[in-house]
Amino acid sequence: MRKLTHQELLARQRETLQNRRMPFCVVLNNIRSLYNVGSIFRSSDGAGVGKIWLCGITGHPPNKQIAKTALGAQNSVPWEYRDDAVELIRELKTEGYSAVLLEQTEKSCLYQNFKPEGPVCLVIGHEVEGVSDELVSLADAAIEIEMAGLKNSLNVAVAFGIAAYHLRRSYKQANPNG
């Protein structure tokens, strides 16, 4: 076994670039940490997220703190800022997206049990307060990550990475040639 060289990694990346975007987008609503935003950009690039919507108080590029953790992903993942996440979710639902919260609700299921049917808009809320009640009322589903320790949640960027790669795997399993 040997590590791939930088040239080999670039060649592999060029081969798969056309099939990398998945039919899901992300709404970051009121994420206060710019480092979390940058980390979510980087994970979104790796998972093939179609677009990131930055809403409310969520910071957006260009920003040095975002760039520090995004490592250039803020330039490769499509993104757009919108002030009102509620209006955006309503708009995305008319375009055929299901609004899926990454949130602990009375009806949330474990993320690994969720199988997307069509395009998904994954909604991520504030680091402490979570997804707003207005957005919860618009949701089609909610997923959560089981916690075995004393804390009731993970860092928002870590939780997003887990959910994003689950969605990627689910889409790839449903369409192995895509």
Protein backbone atom coordinates (compact mmCIF):
# COMPACT_ATOMS: atom_id res chain seq x y z
CA MET A 1 0.00 0.00 0.00
CA ARG A 2 1.13 3.55 -0.71
CA LYS A 3 -0.34 7.01 -0.47
CA LEU A 4 -1.54 8.59 -3.68
CA THR A 5 0.63 11.38 -4.99
CA HIS A 6 -0.72 14.88 -5.38
CA GLN A 7 -0.78 14.37 -9.19
CA GLU A 8 -2.77 11.14 -8.79
CA LEU A 9 -5.26 12.86 -6.49
CA LEU A 10 -5.74 15.68 -8.99
CA ALA A 11 -6.25 13.20 -11.85
CA ARG A 12 -8.83 11.26 -9.84
CA GLN A 13 -10.59 14.50 -8.94
CA ARG A 14 -10.83 15.56 -12.60
CA GLU A 15 -12.35 12.18 -13.54
CA THR A 16 -15.16 12.42 -10.99
CA LEU A 17 -15.80 16.16 -11.03
CA GLN A 18 -18.74 15.96 -13.43
CA ASN A 19 -20.70 13.48 -11.27
CA ARG A 20 -19.98 14.95 -7.90
CA ARG A 21 -22.92 17.28 -7.22
CA MET A 22 -25.77 15.59 -5.39
CA PRO A 23 -29.44 16.63 -5.58
CA PHE A 24 -29.34 18.35 -2.24
CA CYS A 25 -28.71 21.84 -0.97
CA VAL A 26 -28.09 23.22 2.48
CA VAL A 27 -29.64 26.14 4.31
CA LEU A 28 -27.51 27.59 7.10
CA ASN A 29 -29.78 29.76 9.19
CA ASN A 30 -28.26 32.00 11.84
CA ILE A 31 -24.96 30.15 12.17
CA ARG A 32 -22.91 32.55 14.27
CA SER A 33 -19.43 31.00 13.99
CA LEU A 34 -17.62 31.88 10.78
CA TYR A 35 -15.30 28.92 11.39
CA ASN A 36 -18.34 26.61 11.39
CA VAL A 37 -19.49 28.20 8.12
CA GLY A 38 -16.05 27.60 6.57
CA SER A 39 -15.99 24.01 7.79
CA ILE A 40 -19.45 23.41 6.30
CA PHE A 41 -18.22 24.82 2.98
CA ARG A 42 -15.32 22.36 3.01
CA SER A 43 -17.51 19.37 3.91
CA SER A 44 -20.05 20.48 1.28
CA ASP A 45 -17.34 20.45 -1.36
CA GLY A 46 -16.33 16.93 -0.38
CA ALA A 47 -19.88 15.60 -0.20
CA GLY A 48 -20.96 17.18 -3.49
CA VAL A 49 -23.60 19.54 -2.11
CA GLY A 50 -25.37 21.37 -4.94
CA LYS A 51 -25.64 24.75 -3.22
CA ILE A 52 -25.30 26.42 0.15
CA TRP A 53 -27.83 29.04 1.14
CA LEU A 54 -26.57 31.40 3.86
CA CYS A 55 -29.42 33.02 5.78
CA GLY A 56 -30.05 35.39 8.65
CA ILE A 57 -26.95 36.30 10.67
CA THR A 58 -24.85 33.63 8.95
CA GLY A 59 -21.67 35.21 7.61
CA HIS A 60 -20.69 34.80 3.98
CA PRO A 61 -17.61 35.10 1.76
CA PRO A 62 -15.41 36.92 1.31
CA ASN A 63 -14.30 36.55 4.91
CA LYS A 64 -10.91 35.58 6.35
CA GLN A 65 -12.36 33.37 9.09
CA ILE A 66 -14.52 31.44 6.62
CA ALA A 67 -11.58 31.10 4.25
CA LYS A 68 -9.34 29.76 7.04
CA THR A 69 -11.44 26.62 7.50
CA ALA A 70 -12.98 26.39 4.02
CA LEU A 71 -9.53 26.24 2.39
CA GLY A 72 -10.88 27.43 -0.96
CA ALA A 73 -14.18 25.52 -0.90
CA GLN A 74 -15.99 28.85 -0.65
CA ASN A 75 -14.91 29.32 -4.27
CA SER A 76 -15.95 25.87 -5.53
CA VAL A 77 -19.36 25.34 -3.90
CA PRO A 78 -22.19 27.49 -5.28
CA TRP A 79 -23.66 29.71 -2.56
CA GLU A 80 -26.07 32.57 -2.14
CA TYR A 81 -27.07 34.81 0.75
CA ARG A 82 -30.75 35.28 1.60
CA ASP A 83 -31.99 37.26 4.56
CA ASP A 84 -35.18 35.24 5.14
CA ALA A 85 -34.82 31.46 5.48
CA VAL A 86 -38.58 30.93 5.78
CA GLU A 87 -39.23 32.58 2.43
CA LEU A 88 -36.37 30.59 0.90
CA ILE A 89 -37.67 27.24 2.19
CA ARG A 90 -41.11 27.99 0.78
CA GLU A 91 -39.51 28.79 -2.56
CA LEU A 92 -37.38 25.62 -2.58
CA LYS A 93 -40.41 23.48 -1.73
CA THR A 94 -42.21 24.84 -4.82
CA GLU A 95 -39.17 23.68 -6.81
CA GLY A 96 -39.61 20.11 -5.53
CA TYR A 97 -37.21 20.06 -2.58
CA SER A 98 -38.13 18.38 0.70
CA ALA A 99 -37.17 20.45 3.74
CA VAL A 100 -35.25 18.16 6.10
CA LEU A 101 -34.10 19.55 9.43
CA LEU A 102 -30.96 18.42 11.21
CA GLU A 103 -32.69 18.86 14.55
CA GLN A 104 -34.03 16.94 17.52
CA THR A 105 -37.82 17.00 17.32
CA GLU A 106 -40.62 14.78 18.59
CA LYS A 107 -40.80 13.24 15.11
CA SER A 108 -37.13 13.15 14.09
CA CYS A 109 -35.60 9.86 13.01
CA LEU A 110 -32.02 8.72 13.28
CA TYR A 111 -30.09 10.08 10.30
CA GLN A 112 -29.01 6.61 9.17
CA ASN A 113 -32.66 5.56 8.82
CA PHE A 114 -33.55 8.48 6.57
CA LYS A 115 -33.72 7.71 2.84
CA PRO A 116 -34.21 10.75 0.62
CA GLU A 117 -36.87 10.59 -2.06
CA GLY A 118 -35.99 13.32 -4.52
CA PRO A 119 -34.09 16.54 -3.89
CA VAL A 120 -33.48 17.52 -0.27
CA CYS A 121 -32.85 20.86 1.35
CA LEU A 122 -31.00 20.13 4.60
CA VAL A 123 -31.70 22.87 7.13
CA ILE A 124 -29.12 23.66 9.80
CA GLY A 125 -29.91 26.09 12.61
CA HIS A 126 -28.19 28.21 15.23
CA GLU A 127 -25.46 26.48 17.25
CA VAL A 128 -27.31 26.87 20.57
CA GLU A 129 -30.97 27.51 19.72
CA GLY A 130 -31.20 25.13 16.76
CA VAL A 131 -33.69 25.50 13.93
CA SER A 132 -36.32 28.20 14.47
CA ASP A 133 -39.93 27.21 15.18
CA GLU A 134 -41.01 28.89 11.93
CA LEU A 135 -38.72 26.56 9.96
CA VAL A 136 -39.81 23.53 11.99
CA SER A 137 -43.40 24.20 10.91
CA LEU A 138 -42.31 24.02 7.24
CA ALA A 139 -40.31 20.80 7.56
CA ASP A 140 -41.13 17.59 5.73
CA ALA A 141 -38.83 15.55 7.97
CA ALA A 142 -36.21 15.87 10.69
CA ILE A 143 -33.13 13.77 11.27
CA GLU A 144 -30.89 13.57 14.31
CA ILE A 145 -27.66 11.97 15.42
CA GLU A 146 -27.87 9.64 18.40
CA MET A 147 -25.82 10.83 21.35
CA ALA A 148 -24.42 8.37 23.90
CA GLY A 149 -22.66 10.85 26.21
CA LEU A 150 -23.70 13.67 28.51
CA LYS A 151 -23.89 16.28 25.74
CA ASN A 152 -27.11 16.35 23.74
CA SER A 153 -25.59 17.42 20.42
CA LEU A 154 -22.43 17.67 18.33
CA ASN A 155 -20.77 20.75 16.93
CA VAL A 156 -22.95 22.00 14.07
CA ALA A 157 -20.21 21.56 11.45
CA VAL A 158 -19.44 18.01 12.61
CA ALA A 159 -23.12 17.08 12.66
CA PHE A 160 -23.54 18.55 9.18
CA GLY A 161 -20.63 16.46 7.86
CA ILE A 162 -22.19 13.26 9.17
CA ALA A 163 -25.60 14.08 7.66
CA ALA A 164 -24.16 15.29 4.34
CA TYR A 165 -22.15 12.14 3.77
CA HIS A 166 -25.15 10.00 4.70
CA LEU A 167 -27.20 11.82 2.06
CA ARG A 168 -24.41 11.39 -0.48
CA ARG A 169 -24.21 7.65 0.23
CA SER A 170 -28.01 7.32 -0.01
CA TYR A 171 -28.14 9.08 -3.39
CA LYS A 172 -25.21 7.02 -4.70
CA GLN A 173 -26.87 3.78 -3.60
CA ALA A 174 -30.11 4.78 -5.30
CA ASN A 175 -28.23 5.69 -8.50
CA PRO A 176 -24.91 3.80 -8.59
CA ASN A 177 -24.05 5.05 -12.11
CA GLY A 178 -24.76 8.72 -11.32
